Amino acid sequence: MNDNEYYELLGVDRNSDSTTIKKAYRKLALKYHPDKAPEDKKDEYEETFKKISEAYNVLSDPEKKNIY
Protein backbone atom coordinates (compact mmCIF):
# COMPACT_ATOMS: atom_id res chain seq x y z
CA MET A 1 0.00 0.00 0.00
CA ASN A 2 1.24 3.45 -0.88
CA ASP A 3 2.08 5.49 2.24
CA ASN A 4 0.12 8.46 0.91
CA GLU A 5 -2.89 6.57 -0.43
CA TYR A 6 -5.34 7.69 2.26
CA TYR A 7 -4.13 11.27 2.07
CA GLU A 8 -4.44 11.30 -1.72
CA LEU A 9 -7.88 9.71 -1.55
CA LEU A 10 -9.12 12.47 0.73
CA GLY A 11 -7.16 15.12 -1.15
CA VAL A 12 -5.28 16.39 1.89
CA ASP A 13 -1.62 16.91 2.75
CA ARG A 14 0.26 14.58 5.11
CA ASN A 15 0.57 17.45 7.59
CA SER A 16 -3.16 18.24 7.63
CA ASP A 17 -4.86 18.67 10.97
CA SER A 18 -7.94 16.72 12.07
CA THR A 19 -10.31 19.56 11.10
CA THR A 20 -9.02 19.63 7.52
CA ILE A 21 -9.24 15.84 7.26
CA LYS A 22 -12.79 15.89 8.59
CA LYS A 23 -13.88 18.60 6.12
CA ALA A 24 -12.35 16.71 3.20
CA TYR A 25 -14.06 13.49 4.30
CA ARG A 26 -17.47 15.10 4.67
CA LYS A 27 -17.24 16.77 1.27
CA LEU A 28 -16.33 13.51 -0.46
CA ALA A 29 -18.82 11.46 1.58
CA LEU A 30 -21.65 13.72 0.43
CA LYS A 31 -20.47 13.53 -3.16
CA TYR A 32 -20.06 9.74 -3.27
CA HIS A 33 -22.82 8.61 -0.91
CA PRO A 34 -24.51 5.55 -2.46
CA ASP A 35 -27.98 7.02 -1.88
CA LYS A 36 -27.12 9.98 -4.13
CA ALA A 37 -25.59 7.87 -6.89
CA PRO A 38 -27.14 7.60 -10.34
CA GLU A 39 -28.61 4.15 -10.94
CA ASP A 40 -25.89 3.16 -13.41
CA LYS A 41 -23.06 4.05 -10.99
CA LYS A 42 -24.33 2.68 -7.65
CA ASP A 43 -21.57 0.07 -7.34
CA GLU A 44 -18.83 2.56 -8.21
CA TYR A 45 -20.11 5.11 -5.68
CA GLU A 46 -20.47 2.45 -3.00
CA GLU A 47 -16.88 1.23 -3.49
CA THR A 48 -15.51 4.80 -3.44
CA PHE A 49 -17.56 5.62 -0.34
CA LYS A 50 -16.11 2.58 1.47
CA LYS A 51 -12.55 3.63 0.59
CA ILE A 52 -13.18 7.20 1.74
CA SER A 53 -14.68 5.95 5.01
CA GLU A 54 -11.73 3.63 5.64
CA ALA A 55 -9.27 6.45 4.99
CA TYR A 56 -11.11 8.76 7.38
CA ASN A 57 -11.37 6.02 9.99
CA VAL A 58 -7.58 5.62 10.00
CA LEU A 59 -6.58 9.28 9.69
CA SER A 60 -9.06 10.56 12.29
CA ASP A 61 -7.77 8.22 15.01
CA PRO A 62 -4.38 9.45 16.30
CA GLU A 63 -3.24 5.94 17.26
CA LYS A 64 -4.17 4.42 13.88
CA LYS A 65 -2.69 7.41 12.09
CA ASN A 66 0.66 6.90 13.86
CA ILE A 67 0.71 3.24 12.85
CA TYR A 68 -0.23 4.15 9.27
C-alpha atoms as a PDB file:
ATOM      1  CA  MET A   1       0.000   0.000   0.000  1.00  0.00           C
ATOM      2  CA  ASN A   2       1.244   3.449  -0.881  1.00  0.00           C
ATOM      3  CA  ASP A   3       2.078   5.485   2.241  1.00  0.00           C
ATOM      4  CA  ASN A   4       0.117   8.463   0.913  1.00  0.00           C
ATOM      5  CA  GLU A   5      -2.892   6.566  -0.433  1.00  0.00           C
ATOM      6  CA  TYR A   6      -5.340   7.692   2.263  1.00  0.00           C
ATOM      7  CA  TYR A   7      -4.128  11.271   2.069  1.00  0.00           C
ATOM      8  CA  GLU A   8      -4.437  11.298  -1.724  1.00  0.00           C
ATOM      9  CA  LEU A   9      -7.876   9.708  -1.554  1.00  0.00           C
ATOM     10  CA  LEU A  10      -9.122  12.468   0.735  1.00  0.00           C
ATOM     11  CA  GLY A  11      -7.162  15.124  -1.149  1.00  0.00           C
ATOM     12  CA  VAL A  12      -5.277  16.387   1.894  1.00  0.00           C
ATOM     13  CA  ASP A  13      -1.620  16.915   2.747  1.00  0.00           C
ATOM     14  CA  ARG A  14       0.262  14.578   5.115  1.00  0.00           C
ATOM     15  CA  ASN A  15       0.566  17.445   7.591  1.00  0.00           C
ATOM     16  CA  SER A  16      -3.159  18.238   7.633  1.00  0.00           C
ATOM     17  CA  ASP A  17      -4.861  18.666  10.966  1.00  0.00           C
ATOM     18  CA  SER A  18      -7.936  16.723  12.067  1.00  0.00           C
ATOM     19  CA  THR A  19     -10.312  19.558  11.098  1.00  0.00           C
ATOM     20  CA  THR A  20      -9.020  19.628   7.521  1.00  0.00           C
ATOM     21  CA  ILE A  21      -9.238  15.844   7.260  1.00  0.00           C
ATOM     22  CA  LYS A  22     -12.791  15.890   8.589  1.00  0.00           C
ATOM     23  CA  LYS A  23     -13.884  18.597   6.123  1.00  0.00           C
ATOM     24  CA  ALA A  24     -12.353  16.711   3.197  1.00  0.00           C
ATOM     25  CA  TYR A  25     -14.060  13.493   4.296  1.00  0.00           C
ATOM     26  CA  ARG A  26     -17.475  15.104   4.666  1.00  0.00           C
ATOM     27  CA  LYS A  27     -17.239  16.769   1.274  1.00  0.00           C
ATOM     28  CA  LEU A  28     -16.331  13.506  -0.457  1.00  0.00           C
ATOM     29  CA  ALA A  29     -18.817  11.465   1.579  1.00  0.00           C
ATOM     30  CA  LEU A  30     -21.649  13.720   0.430  1.00  0.00           C
ATOM     31  CA  LYS A  31     -20.472  13.531  -3.162  1.00  0.00           C
ATOM     32  CA  TYR A  32     -20.065   9.742  -3.266  1.00  0.00           C
ATOM     33  CA  HIS A  33     -22.817   8.612  -0.908  1.00  0.00           C
ATOM     34  CA  PRO A  34     -24.513   5.553  -2.460  1.00  0.00           C
ATOM     35  CA  ASP A  35     -27.981   7.022  -1.877  1.00  0.00           C
ATOM     36  CA  LYS A  36     -27.117   9.977  -4.126  1.00  0.00           C
ATOM     37  CA  ALA A  37     -25.589   7.866  -6.891  1.00  0.00           C
ATOM     38  CA  PRO A  38     -27.144   7.604 -10.341  1.00  0.00           C
ATOM     39  CA  GLU A  39     -28.614   4.151 -10.936  1.00  0.00           C
ATOM     40  CA  ASP A  40     -25.895   3.158 -13.410  1.00  0.00           C
ATOM     41  CA  LYS A  41     -23.060   4.049 -10.986  1.00  0.00           C
ATOM     42  CA  LYS A  42     -24.329   2.684  -7.651  1.00  0.00           C
ATOM     43  CA  ASP A  43     -21.567   0.068  -7.340  1.00  0.00           C
ATOM     44  CA  GLU A  44     -18.827   2.560  -8.215  1.00  0.00           C
ATOM     45  CA  TYR A  45     -20.107   5.106  -5.679  1.00  0.00           C
ATOM     46  CA  GLU A  46     -20.473   2.446  -2.996  1.00  0.00           C
ATOM     47  CA  GLU A  47     -16.882   1.229  -3.486  1.00  0.00           C
ATOM     48  CA  THR A  48     -15.513   4.797  -3.437  1.00  0.00           C
ATOM     49  CA  PHE A  49     -17.558   5.617  -0.337  1.00  0.00           C
ATOM     50  CA  LYS A  50     -16.108   2.581   1.468  1.00  0.00           C
ATOM     51  CA  LYS A  51     -12.548   3.633   0.585  1.00  0.00           C
ATOM     52  CA  ILE A  52     -13.180   7.203   1.738  1.00  0.00           C
ATOM     53  CA  SER A  53     -14.679   5.954   5.009  1.00  0.00           C
ATOM     54  CA  GLU A  54     -11.733   3.630   5.637  1.00  0.00           C
ATOM     55  CA  ALA A  55      -9.270   6.453   4.985  1.00  0.00           C
ATOM     56  CA  TYR A  56     -11.110   8.761   7.377  1.00  0.00           C
ATOM     57  CA  ASN A  57     -11.370   6.021   9.991  1.00  0.00           C
ATOM     58  CA  VAL A  58      -7.585   5.621   9.997  1.00  0.00           C
ATOM     59  CA  LEU A  59      -6.584   9.281   9.688  1.00  0.00           C
ATOM     60  CA  SER A  60      -9.055  10.565  12.291  1.00  0.00           C
ATOM     61  CA  ASP A  61      -7.767   8.215  15.005  1.00  0.00           C
ATOM     62  CA  PRO A  62      -4.380   9.449  16.303  1.00  0.00           C
ATOM     63  CA  GLU A  63      -3.240   5.938  17.262  1.00  0.00           C
ATOM     64  CA  LYS A  64      -4.168   4.417  13.882  1.00  0.00           C
ATOM     65  CA  LYS A  65      -2.685   7.407  12.092  1.00  0.00           C
ATOM     66  CA  ASN A  66       0.657   6.902  13.862  1.00  0.00           C
ATOM     67  CA  ILE A  67       0.709   3.242  12.846  1.00  0.00           C
ATOM     68  CA  TYR A  68      -0.231   4.147   9.273  1.00  0.00           C
END
